[in-house]
Amino acid sequence: MSALFNFHSFLTVILLGICTCTYMKMQFPAILEQRNGFRGFFWKAARIGERLSPWVAVGCFSMGVSIIFF
């Protein structure tokens, strides 16, 4: 089943995207300096990861637990 049609997989992809963009912005800030266009989407995802990092961490932890046990 595609990640677009399965809500659990969709949330996993979104969380992994936010975490990856945040990591890339911290390691290589020049990559995500552009705030418009195609790279602007990744800049926004990195911004969400920076500002809501405790909530993103809780979401990643709970998603990991649900993948392992369910």
PDB file of N, CA and C in Angstrom:
ATOM      1  N   MET A   1       0.836  -1.173   0.000  1.00  0.00           N
ATOM      2  CA  MET A   1       0.000   0.000   0.000  1.00  0.00           C
ATOM      3  C   MET A   1       0.890   1.249   0.000  1.00  0.00           C
ATOM      4  N   SER A   2       0.528   2.220  -0.745  1.00  0.00           N
ATOM      5  CA  SER A   2       1.304   3.450  -0.875  1.00  0.00           C
ATOM      6  C   SER A   2       1.241   4.271   0.409  1.00  0.00           C
ATOM      7  N   ALA A   3       2.295   5.057   0.649  1.00  0.00           N
ATOM      8  CA  ALA A   3       2.334   5.901   1.844  1.00  0.00           C
ATOM      9  C   ALA A   3       1.285   7.006   1.787  1.00  0.00           C
ATOM     10  N   LEU A   4       0.779   7.317   0.613  1.00  0.00           N
ATOM     11  CA  LEU A   4      -0.242   8.356   0.505  1.00  0.00           C
ATOM     12  C   LEU A   4      -1.610   7.872   0.957  1.00  0.00           C
ATOM     13  N   PHE A   5      -1.857   6.574   0.854  1.00  0.00           N
ATOM     14  CA  PHE A   5      -3.174   6.043   1.178  1.00  0.00           C
ATOM     15  C   PHE A   5      -3.243   5.426   2.564  1.00  0.00           C
ATOM     16  N   ASN A   6      -2.104   5.135   3.158  1.00  0.00           N
ATOM     17  CA  ASN A   6      -2.064   4.582   4.499  1.00  0.00           C
ATOM     18  C   ASN A   6      -1.662   5.709   5.450  1.00  0.00           C
ATOM     19  N   PHE A   7      -2.542   6.073   6.371  1.00  0.00           N
ATOM     20  CA  PHE A   7      -2.308   7.227   7.235  1.00  0.00           C
ATOM     21  C   PHE A   7      -1.088   7.026   8.125  1.00  0.00           C
ATOM     22  N   HIS A   8      -0.880   5.835   8.632  1.00  0.00           N
ATOM     23  CA  HIS A   8       0.274   5.548   9.487  1.00  0.00           C
ATOM     24  C   HIS A   8       1.571   5.743   8.713  1.00  0.00           C
ATOM     25  N   SER A   9       1.638   5.256   7.501  1.00  0.00           N
ATOM     26  CA  SER A   9       2.834   5.432   6.678  1.00  0.00           C
ATOM     27  C   SER A   9       3.031   6.889   6.275  1.00  0.00           C
ATOM     28  N   PHE A  10       1.939   7.582   6.023  1.00  0.00           N
ATOM     29  CA  PHE A  10       2.016   9.000   5.673  1.00  0.00           C
ATOM     30  C   PHE A  10       2.620   9.812   6.817  1.00  0.00           C
ATOM     31  N   LEU A  11       2.176   9.559   8.044  1.00  0.00           N
ATOM     32  CA  LEU A  11       2.746  10.255   9.200  1.00  0.00           C
ATOM     33  C   LEU A  11       4.219   9.923   9.388  1.00  0.00           C
ATOM     34  N   THR A  12       4.597   8.684   9.129  1.00  0.00           N
ATOM     35  CA  THR A  12       6.002   8.284   9.230  1.00  0.00           C
ATOM     36  C   THR A  12       6.852   9.037   8.223  1.00  0.00           C
ATOM     37  N   VAL A  13       6.374   9.150   6.999  1.00  0.00           N
ATOM     38  CA  VAL A  13       7.110   9.872   5.953  1.00  0.00           C
ATOM     39  C   VAL A  13       7.232  11.356   6.303  1.00  0.00           C
ATOM     40  N   ILE A  14       6.177  11.966   6.806  1.00  0.00           N
ATOM     41  CA  ILE A  14       6.210  13.377   7.188  1.00  0.00           C
ATOM     42  C   ILE A  14       7.209  13.600   8.323  1.00  0.00           C
ATOM     43  N   LEU A  15       7.162  12.763   9.355  1.00  0.00           N
ATOM     44  CA  LEU A  15       8.097  12.911  10.474  1.00  0.00           C
ATOM     45  C   LEU A  15       9.543  12.712  10.037  1.00  0.00           C
ATOM     46  N   LEU A  16       9.791  11.720   9.213  1.00  0.00           N
ATOM     47  CA  LEU A  16      11.153  11.503   8.725  1.00  0.00           C
ATOM     48  C   LEU A  16      11.619  12.665   7.853  1.00  0.00           C
ATOM     49  N   GLY A  17      10.716  13.232   7.064  1.00  0.00           N
ATOM     50  CA  GLY A  17      11.073  14.392   6.243  1.00  0.00           C
ATOM     51  C   GLY A  17      11.435  15.602   7.092  1.00  0.00           C
ATOM     52  N   ILE A  18      10.646  15.851   8.136  1.00  0.00           N
ATOM     53  CA  ILE A  18      10.936  16.976   9.029  1.00  0.00           C
ATOM     54  C   ILE A  18      12.272  16.772   9.728  1.00  0.00           C
ATOM     55  N   CYS A  19      12.510  15.566  10.229  1.00  0.00           N
ATOM     56  CA  CYS A  19      13.772  15.298  10.932  1.00  0.00           C
ATOM     57  C   CYS A  19      14.961  15.398   9.987  1.00  0.00           C
ATOM     58  N   THR A  20      14.823  14.907   8.773  1.00  0.00           N
ATOM     59  CA  THR A  20      15.916  14.971   7.803  1.00  0.00           C
ATOM     60  C   THR A  20      16.221  16.405   7.403  1.00  0.00           C
ATOM     61  N   CYS A  21      15.200  17.190   7.146  1.00  0.00           N
ATOM     62  CA  CYS A  21      15.416  18.597   6.766  1.00  0.00           C
ATOM     63  C   CYS A  21      16.058  19.390   7.893  1.00  0.00           C
ATOM     64  N   THR A  22      15.640  19.125   9.125  1.00  0.00           N
ATOM     65  CA  THR A  22      16.230  19.823  10.264  1.00  0.00           C
ATOM     66  C   THR A  22      17.694  19.449  10.416  1.00  0.00           C
ATOM     67  N   TYR A  23      18.008  18.179  10.259  1.00  0.00           N
ATOM     68  CA  TYR A  23      19.402  17.732  10.359  1.00  0.00           C
ATOM     69  C   TYR A  23      20.253  18.354   9.255  1.00  0.00           C
ATOM     70  N   MET A  24      19.727  18.372   8.041  1.00  0.00           N
ATOM     71  CA  MET A  24      20.484  18.949   6.930  1.00  0.00           C
ATOM     72  C   MET A  24      20.715  20.446   7.135  1.00  0.00           C
ATOM     73  N   LYS A  25      19.737  21.134   7.695  1.00  0.00           N
ATOM     74  CA  LYS A  25      19.905  22.573   7.929  1.00  0.00           C
ATOM     75  C   LYS A  25      20.948  22.834   9.013  1.00  0.00           C
ATOM     76  N   MET A  26      21.010  21.970  10.015  1.00  0.00           N
ATOM     77  CA  MET A  26      22.001  22.145  11.071  1.00  0.00           C
ATOM     78  C   MET A  26      23.413  21.818  10.573  1.00  0.00           C
ATOM     79  N   GLN A  27      23.545  20.816   9.715  1.00  0.00           N
ATOM     80  CA  GLN A  27      24.862  20.403   9.241  1.00  0.00           C
ATOM     81  C   GLN A  27      25.361  21.258   8.072  1.00  0.00           C
ATOM     82  N   PHE A  28      24.466  21.567   7.144  1.00  0.00           N
ATOM     83  CA  PHE A  28      24.816  22.324   5.937  1.00  0.00           C
ATOM     84  C   PHE A  28      23.816  23.465   5.748  1.00  0.00           C
ATOM     85  N   PRO A  29      23.986  24.568   6.447  1.00  0.00           N
ATOM     86  CA  PRO A  29      22.973  25.642   6.382  1.00  0.00           C
ATOM     87  C   PRO A  29      22.855  26.313   5.019  1.00  0.00           C
ATOM     88  N   ALA A  30      23.881  26.241   4.192  1.00  0.00           N
ATOM     89  CA  ALA A  30      23.823  26.899   2.883  1.00  0.00           C
ATOM     90  C   ALA A  30      22.840  26.201   1.940  1.00  0.00           C
ATOM     91  N   ILE A  31      22.577  24.934   2.170  1.00  0.00           N
ATOM     92  CA  ILE A  31      21.675  24.188   1.281  1.00  0.00           C
ATOM     93  C   ILE A  31      20.244  24.717   1.382  1.00  0.00           C
ATOM     94  N   LEU A  32      19.819  25.046   2.591  1.00  0.00           N
ATOM     95  CA  LEU A  32      18.425  25.441   2.803  1.00  0.00           C
ATOM     96  C   LEU A  32      18.273  26.929   3.092  1.00  0.00           C
ATOM     97  N   GLU A  33      19.100  27.761   2.514  1.00  0.00           N
ATOM     98  CA  GLU A  33      18.957  29.202   2.703  1.00  0.00           C
ATOM     99  C   GLU A  33      17.821  29.788   1.867  1.00  0.00           C
ATOM    100  N   GLN A  34      17.540  29.196   0.736  1.00  0.00           N
ATOM    101  CA  GLN A  34      16.510  29.712  -0.166  1.00  0.00           C
ATOM    102  C   GLN A  34      15.121  29.405   0.401  1.00  0.00           C
ATOM    103  N   ARG A  35      14.302  30.448   0.548  1.00  0.00           N
ATOM    104  CA  ARG A  35      12.999  30.278   1.185  1.00  0.00           C
ATOM    105  C   ARG A  35      11.845  30.180   0.200  1.00  0.00           C
ATOM    106  N   ASN A  36      12.116  30.226  -1.069  1.00  0.00           N
ATOM    107  CA  ASN A  36      11.028  30.109  -2.043  1.00  0.00           C
ATOM    108  C   ASN A  36      11.398  29.045  -3.076  1.00  0.00           C
ATOM    109  N   GLY A  37      10.414  28.645  -3.832  1.00  0.00           N
ATOM    110  CA  GLY A  37      10.641  27.611  -4.824  1.00  0.00           C
ATOM    111  C   GLY A  37      10.583  26.220  -4.215  1.00  0.00           C
ATOM    112  N   PHE A  38      11.230  25.289  -4.880  1.00  0.00           N
ATOM    113  CA  PHE A  38      11.184  23.891  -4.454  1.00  0.00           C
ATOM    114  C   PHE A  38      11.899  23.690  -3.121  1.00  0.00           C
ATOM    115  N   ARG A  39      13.039  24.352  -2.941  1.00  0.00           N
ATOM    116  CA  ARG A  39      13.782  24.212  -1.691  1.00  0.00           C
ATOM    117  C   ARG A  39      13.099  24.930  -0.534  1.00  0.00           C
ATOM    118  N   GLY A  40      12.160  25.797  -0.823  1.00  0.00           N
ATOM    119  CA  GLY A  40      11.408  26.477   0.219  1.00  0.00           C
ATOM    120  C   GLY A  40      10.555  25.524   1.040  1.00  0.00           C
ATOM    121  N   PHE A  41      10.066  24.471   0.412  1.00  0.00           N
ATOM    122  CA  PHE A  41       9.299  23.447   1.131  1.00  0.00           C
ATOM    123  C   PHE A  41      10.173  22.771   2.181  1.00  0.00           C
ATOM    124  N   PHE A  42      11.418  22.467   1.819  1.00  0.00           N
ATOM    125  CA  PHE A  42      12.322  21.819   2.758  1.00  0.00           C
ATOM    126  C   PHE A  42      12.765  22.784   3.849  1.00  0.00           C
ATOM    127  N   TRP A  43      12.893  24.082   3.507  1.00  0.00           N
ATOM    128  CA  TRP A  43      13.216  25.089   4.512  1.00  0.00           C
ATOM    129  C   TRP A  43      12.097  25.175   5.551  1.00  0.00           C
ATOM    130  N   LYS A  44      10.847  25.115   5.093  1.00  0.00           N
ATOM    131  CA  LYS A  44       9.707  25.165   6.008  1.00  0.00           C
ATOM    132  C   LYS A  44       9.661  23.925   6.902  1.00  0.00           C
ATOM    133  N   ALA A  45       9.978  22.766   6.338  1.00  0.00           N
ATOM    134  CA  ALA A  45      10.013  21.544   7.141  1.00  0.00           C
ATOM    135  C   ALA A  45      11.114  21.632   8.199  1.00  0.00           C
ATOM    136  N   ALA A  46      12.263  22.192   7.832  1.00  0.00           N
ATOM    137  CA  ALA A  46      13.345  22.367   8.805  1.00  0.00           C
ATOM    138  C   ALA A  46      12.946  23.361   9.884  1.00  0.00           C
ATOM    139  N   ARG A  47      12.210  24.384   9.518  1.00  0.00           N
ATOM    140  CA  ARG A  47      11.750  25.382  10.486  1.00  0.00           C
ATOM    141  C   ARG A  47      10.780  24.757  11.482  1.00  0.00           C
ATOM    142  N   ILE A  48       9.914  23.888  11.005  1.00  0.00           N
ATOM    143  CA  ILE A  48       8.991  23.170  11.894  1.00  0.00           C
ATOM    144  C   ILE A  48       9.791  22.312  12.864  1.00  0.00           C
ATOM    145  N   GLY A  49      10.809  21.622  12.365  1.00  0.00           N
ATOM    146  CA  GLY A  49      11.638  20.793  13.221  1.00  0.00           C
ATOM    147  C   GLY A  49      12.415  21.580  14.252  1.00  0.00           C
ATOM    148  N   GLU A  50      12.831  22.800  13.903  1.00  0.00           N
ATOM    149  CA  GLU A  50      13.554  23.637  14.858  1.00  0.00           C
ATOM    150  C   GLU A  50      12.631  24.163  15.952  1.00  0.00           C
ATOM    151  N   ARG A  51      11.496  24.665  15.564  1.00  0.00           N
ATOM    152  CA  ARG A  51      10.610  25.321  16.528  1.00  0.00           C
ATOM    153  C   ARG A  51       9.798  24.346  17.359  1.00  0.00           C
ATOM    154  N   LEU A  52       9.432  23.225  16.794  1.00  0.00           N
ATOM    155  CA  LEU A  52       8.607  22.250  17.509  1.00  0.00           C
ATOM    156  C   LEU A  52       9.392  20.985  17.825  1.00  0.00           C
ATOM    157  N   SER A  53      10.685  21.127  18.112  1.00  0.00           N
ATOM    158  CA  SER A  53      11.527  19.943  18.290  1.00  0.00           C
ATOM    159  C   SER A  53      11.076  19.015  19.412  1.00  0.00           C
ATOM    160  N   PRO A  54      10.584  19.493  20.567  1.00  0.00           N
ATOM    161  CA  PRO A  54      10.106  18.527  21.569  1.00  0.00           C
ATOM    162  C   PRO A  54       8.916  17.711  21.065  1.00  0.00           C
ATOM    163  N   TRP A  55       8.009  18.361  20.346  1.00  0.00           N
ATOM    164  CA  TRP A  55       6.843  17.646  19.830  1.00  0.00           C
ATOM    165  C   TRP A  55       7.217  16.691  18.705  1.00  0.00           C
ATOM    166  N   VAL A  56       8.154  17.098  17.873  1.00  0.00           N
ATOM    167  CA  VAL A  56       8.619  16.215  16.797  1.00  0.00           C
ATOM    168  C   VAL A  56       9.331  15.004  17.394  1.00  0.00           C
ATOM    169  N   ALA A  57      10.113  15.217  18.453  1.00  0.00           N
ATOM    170  CA  ALA A  57      10.803  14.105  19.112  1.00  0.00           C
ATOM    171  C   ALA A  57       9.805  13.125  19.721  1.00  0.00           C
ATOM    172  N   VAL A  58       8.765  13.654  20.364  1.00  0.00           N
ATOM    173  CA  VAL A  58       7.731  12.777  20.929  1.00  0.00           C
ATOM    174  C   VAL A  58       7.020  12.019  19.809  1.00  0.00           C
ATOM    175  N   GLY A  59       6.747  12.703  18.714  1.00  0.00           N
ATOM    176  CA  GLY A  59       6.110  12.030  17.576  1.00  0.00           C
ATOM    177  C   GLY A  59       6.977  10.939  16.988  1.00  0.00           C
ATOM    178  N   CYS A  60       8.271  11.187  16.848  1.00  0.00           N
ATOM    179  CA  CYS A  60       9.185  10.165  16.320  1.00  0.00           C
ATOM    180  C   CYS A  60       9.291   8.981  17.271  1.00  0.00           C
ATOM    181  N   PHE A  61       9.366   9.255  18.562  1.00  0.00           N
ATOM    182  CA  PHE A  61       9.448   8.174  19.549  1.00  0.00           C
ATOM    183  C   PHE A  61       8.187   7.321  19.534  1.00  0.00           C
ATOM    184  N   SER A  62       7.028   7.973  19.544  1.00  0.00           N
ATOM    185  CA  SER A  62       5.774   7.213  19.540  1.00  0.00           C
ATOM    186  C   SER A  62       5.576   6.456  18.222  1.00  0.00           C
ATOM    187  N   MET A  63       6.029   7.052  17.116  1.00  0.00           N
ATOM    188  CA  MET A  63       5.917   6.353  15.830  1.00  0.00           C
ATOM    189  C   MET A  63       6.835   5.130  15.820  1.00  0.00           C
ATOM    190  N   GLY A  64       8.029   5.266  16.381  1.00  0.00           N
ATOM    191  CA  GLY A  64       8.938   4.122  16.463  1.00  0.00           C
ATOM    192  C   GLY A  64       8.380   3.004  17.320  1.00  0.00           C
ATOM    193  N   VAL A  65       7.792   3.361  18.456  1.00  0.00           N
ATOM    194  CA  VAL A  65       7.187   2.348  19.331  1.00  0.00           C
ATOM    195  C   VAL A  65       6.026   1.661  18.635  1.00  0.00           C
ATOM    196  N   SER A  66       5.208   2.449  17.930  1.00  0.00           N
ATOM    197  CA  SER A  66       4.060   1.832  17.254  1.00  0.00           C
ATOM    198  C   SER A  66       4.490   0.944  16.083  1.00  0.00           C
ATOM    199  N   ILE A  67       5.587   1.296  15.417  1.00  0.00           N
ATOM    200  CA  ILE A  67       6.077   0.453  14.316  1.00  0.00           C
ATOM    201  C   ILE A  67       6.641  -0.861  14.871  1.00  0.00           C
ATOM    202  N   ILE A  68       7.357  -0.778  15.984  1.00  0.00           N
ATOM    203  CA  ILE A  68       7.968  -1.983  16.558  1.00  0.00           C
ATOM    204  C   ILE A  68       6.913  -2.930  17.128  1.00  0.00           C
ATOM    205  N   PHE A  69       5.942  -2.404  17.857  1.00  0.00           N
ATOM    206  CA  PHE A  69       5.004  -3.257  18.587  1.00  0.00           C
ATOM    207  C   PHE A  69       3.686  -3.504  17.879  1.00  0.00           C
ATOM    208  N   PHE A  70       3.329  -2.696  16.900  1.00  0.00           N
ATOM    209  CA  PHE A  70       2.040  -2.888  16.240  1.00  0.00           C
ATOM    210  C   PHE A  70       2.257  -3.157  14.810  1.00  0.00           C
TER     211      PHE A  70
END
